[in-house]
Amino acid sequence: MARMVRKQIVIAPEQERALQAHARALGVSQSSLIRQAIDLLLEQAEEQERRREAWAMVEDEWRRADREGWGSGGRTWTREELHERGRAD
């Protein structure tokens, strides 16, 4: 295991009781459980950032498609206009 850095934290009494109970139930130290929680938090933050970046890319493509008229096939009419024309004929 890599060199450890000592940190001092302050937690609520309820958190202390829960931490003790979970560590005991899992058969690990409280420090190990805290490290696992930190690792999970960091993984979730990285995943959230990846999702945010992916969504931004999708939005950019939507804006580009709108600017360039993708999907219209060069048509300038709307569906509603076609229906109006059909009723007029």
C-alpha atoms as a PDB file:
ATOM      1  CA  MET A   1       0.000   0.000   0.000  1.00  0.00           C
ATOM      2  CA  ALA A   2       1.188   3.537  -0.757  1.00  0.00           C
ATOM      3  CA  ARG A   3       2.441   5.856   1.933  1.00  0.00           C
ATOM      4  CA  MET A   4      -0.471   7.123   4.008  1.00  0.00           C
ATOM      5  CA  VAL A   5      -1.142  10.713   5.013  1.00  0.00           C
ATOM      6  CA  ARG A   6      -2.597  11.337   8.431  1.00  0.00           C
ATOM      7  CA  LYS A   7      -5.781  13.443   8.518  1.00  0.00           C
ATOM      8  CA  GLN A   8      -7.874  14.528  11.429  1.00  0.00           C
ATOM      9  CA  ILE A   9     -11.608  14.873  10.856  1.00  0.00           C
ATOM     10  CA  VAL A  10     -14.566  15.861  12.991  1.00  0.00           C
ATOM     11  CA  ILE A  11     -17.780  13.864  12.634  1.00  0.00           C
ATOM     12  CA  ALA A  12     -21.119  13.854  14.409  1.00  0.00           C
ATOM     13  CA  PRO A  13     -21.755  11.294  17.161  1.00  0.00           C
ATOM     14  CA  GLU A  14     -24.313   9.512  14.948  1.00  0.00           C
ATOM     15  CA  GLN A  15     -21.709   9.223  12.204  1.00  0.00           C
ATOM     16  CA  GLU A  16     -19.210   7.823  14.712  1.00  0.00           C
ATOM     17  CA  ARG A  17     -21.669   5.149  15.856  1.00  0.00           C
ATOM     18  CA  ALA A  18     -22.565   4.242  12.279  1.00  0.00           C
ATOM     19  CA  LEU A  19     -18.899   4.152  11.245  1.00  0.00           C
ATOM     20  CA  GLN A  20     -18.023   1.851  14.152  1.00  0.00           C
ATOM     21  CA  ALA A  21     -20.964  -0.449  13.419  1.00  0.00           C
ATOM     22  CA  HIS A  22     -20.237  -0.690   9.684  1.00  0.00           C
ATOM     23  CA  ALA A  23     -16.520  -1.227  10.198  1.00  0.00           C
ATOM     24  CA  ARG A  24     -17.239  -3.964  12.725  1.00  0.00           C
ATOM     25  CA  ALA A  25     -19.835  -5.617  10.465  1.00  0.00           C
ATOM     26  CA  LEU A  26     -17.448  -5.580   7.498  1.00  0.00           C
ATOM     27  CA  GLY A  27     -14.434  -6.624   9.545  1.00  0.00           C
ATOM     28  CA  VAL A  28     -12.355  -3.636   8.486  1.00  0.00           C
ATOM     29  CA  SER A  29     -10.879  -0.665  10.274  1.00  0.00           C
ATOM     30  CA  GLN A  30     -12.698   2.627  10.452  1.00  0.00           C
ATOM     31  CA  SER A  31      -9.825   4.205   8.511  1.00  0.00           C
ATOM     32  CA  SER A  32     -10.215   1.640   5.744  1.00  0.00           C
ATOM     33  CA  LEU A  33     -13.934   2.295   5.572  1.00  0.00           C
ATOM     34  CA  ILE A  34     -13.330   6.050   5.328  1.00  0.00           C
ATOM     35  CA  ARG A  35     -10.782   5.509   2.534  1.00  0.00           C
ATOM     36  CA  GLN A  36     -13.286   3.337   0.658  1.00  0.00           C
ATOM     37  CA  ALA A  37     -15.935   6.041   1.033  1.00  0.00           C
ATOM     38  CA  ILE A  38     -13.523   8.675  -0.293  1.00  0.00           C
ATOM     39  CA  ASP A  39     -12.628   6.456  -3.268  1.00  0.00           C
ATOM     40  CA  LEU A  40     -16.321   5.928  -4.042  1.00  0.00           C
ATOM     41  CA  LEU A  41     -17.002   9.661  -3.809  1.00  0.00           C
ATOM     42  CA  LEU A  42     -14.145  10.440  -6.199  1.00  0.00           C
ATOM     43  CA  GLU A  43     -15.268   7.744  -8.679  1.00  0.00           C
ATOM     44  CA  GLN A  44     -18.803   9.141  -8.644  1.00  0.00           C
ATOM     45  CA  ALA A  45     -17.508  12.681  -9.190  1.00  0.00           C
ATOM     46  CA  GLU A  46     -15.429  11.502 -12.189  1.00  0.00           C
ATOM     47  CA  GLU A  47     -18.428   9.657 -13.643  1.00  0.00           C
ATOM     48  CA  GLN A  48     -20.623  12.705 -13.187  1.00  0.00           C
ATOM     49  CA  GLU A  49     -18.049  14.848 -14.999  1.00  0.00           C
ATOM     50  CA  ARG A  50     -17.840  12.325 -17.875  1.00  0.00           C
ATOM     51  CA  ARG A  51     -21.634  12.384 -18.173  1.00  0.00           C
ATOM     52  CA  ARG A  52     -21.666  16.193 -18.129  1.00  0.00           C
ATOM     53  CA  GLU A  53     -19.061  16.303 -20.909  1.00  0.00           C
ATOM     54  CA  ALA A  54     -20.954  13.715 -22.973  1.00  0.00           C
ATOM     55  CA  TRP A  55     -24.193  15.657 -22.611  1.00  0.00           C
ATOM     56  CA  ALA A  56     -22.443  18.880 -23.645  1.00  0.00           C
ATOM     57  CA  MET A  57     -21.202  17.103 -26.793  1.00  0.00           C
ATOM     58  CA  VAL A  58     -24.748  15.947 -27.602  1.00  0.00           C
ATOM     59  CA  GLU A  59     -26.093  19.456 -27.117  1.00  0.00           C
ATOM     60  CA  ASP A  60     -23.333  20.869 -29.342  1.00  0.00           C
ATOM     61  CA  GLU A  61     -24.297  18.406 -32.091  1.00  0.00           C
ATOM     62  CA  TRP A  62     -27.970  19.347 -31.766  1.00  0.00           C
ATOM     63  CA  ARG A  63     -27.107  23.026 -32.150  1.00  0.00           C
ATOM     64  CA  ARG A  64     -24.882  22.231 -35.135  1.00  0.00           C
ATOM     65  CA  ALA A  65     -27.619  20.131 -36.730  1.00  0.00           C
ATOM     66  CA  ASP A  66     -30.083  22.961 -36.227  1.00  0.00           C
ATOM     67  CA  ARG A  67     -27.692  25.524 -37.743  1.00  0.00           C
ATOM     68  CA  GLU A  68     -26.913  23.320 -40.732  1.00  0.00           C
ATOM     69  CA  GLY A  69     -30.494  22.172 -41.264  1.00  0.00           C
ATOM     70  CA  TRP A  70     -29.846  18.475 -40.748  1.00  0.00           C
ATOM     71  CA  GLY A  71     -32.918  16.308 -41.011  1.00  0.00           C
ATOM     72  CA  SER A  72     -34.858  18.765 -43.102  1.00  0.00           C
ATOM     73  CA  GLY A  73     -33.517  17.352 -46.360  1.00  0.00           C
ATOM     74  CA  GLY A  74     -33.466  20.925 -47.601  1.00  0.00           C
ATOM     75  CA  ARG A  75     -37.219  21.238 -47.188  1.00  0.00           C
ATOM     76  CA  THR A  76     -38.531  24.654 -46.308  1.00  0.00           C
ATOM     77  CA  TRP A  77     -42.120  23.626 -45.586  1.00  0.00           C
ATOM     78  CA  THR A  78     -43.549  22.356 -42.362  1.00  0.00           C
ATOM     79  CA  ARG A  79     -45.912  19.507 -41.763  1.00  0.00           C
ATOM     80  CA  GLU A  80     -48.611  21.966 -40.747  1.00  0.00           C
ATOM     81  CA  GLU A  81     -48.246  23.839 -44.040  1.00  0.00           C
ATOM     82  CA  LEU A  82     -48.771  20.598 -45.978  1.00  0.00           C
ATOM     83  CA  HIS A  83     -51.971  19.891 -44.108  1.00  0.00           C
ATOM     84  CA  GLU A  84     -53.229  23.404 -44.791  1.00  0.00           C
ATOM     85  CA  ARG A  85     -52.461  23.030 -48.507  1.00  0.00           C
ATOM     86  CA  GLY A  86     -54.249  19.694 -48.630  1.00  0.00           C
ATOM     87  CA  ARG A  87     -57.399  21.177 -47.165  1.00  0.00           C
ATOM     88  CA  ALA A  88     -57.326  24.099 -49.586  1.00  0.00           C
ATOM     89  CA  ASP A  89     -57.202  21.808 -52.650  1.00  0.00           C
END
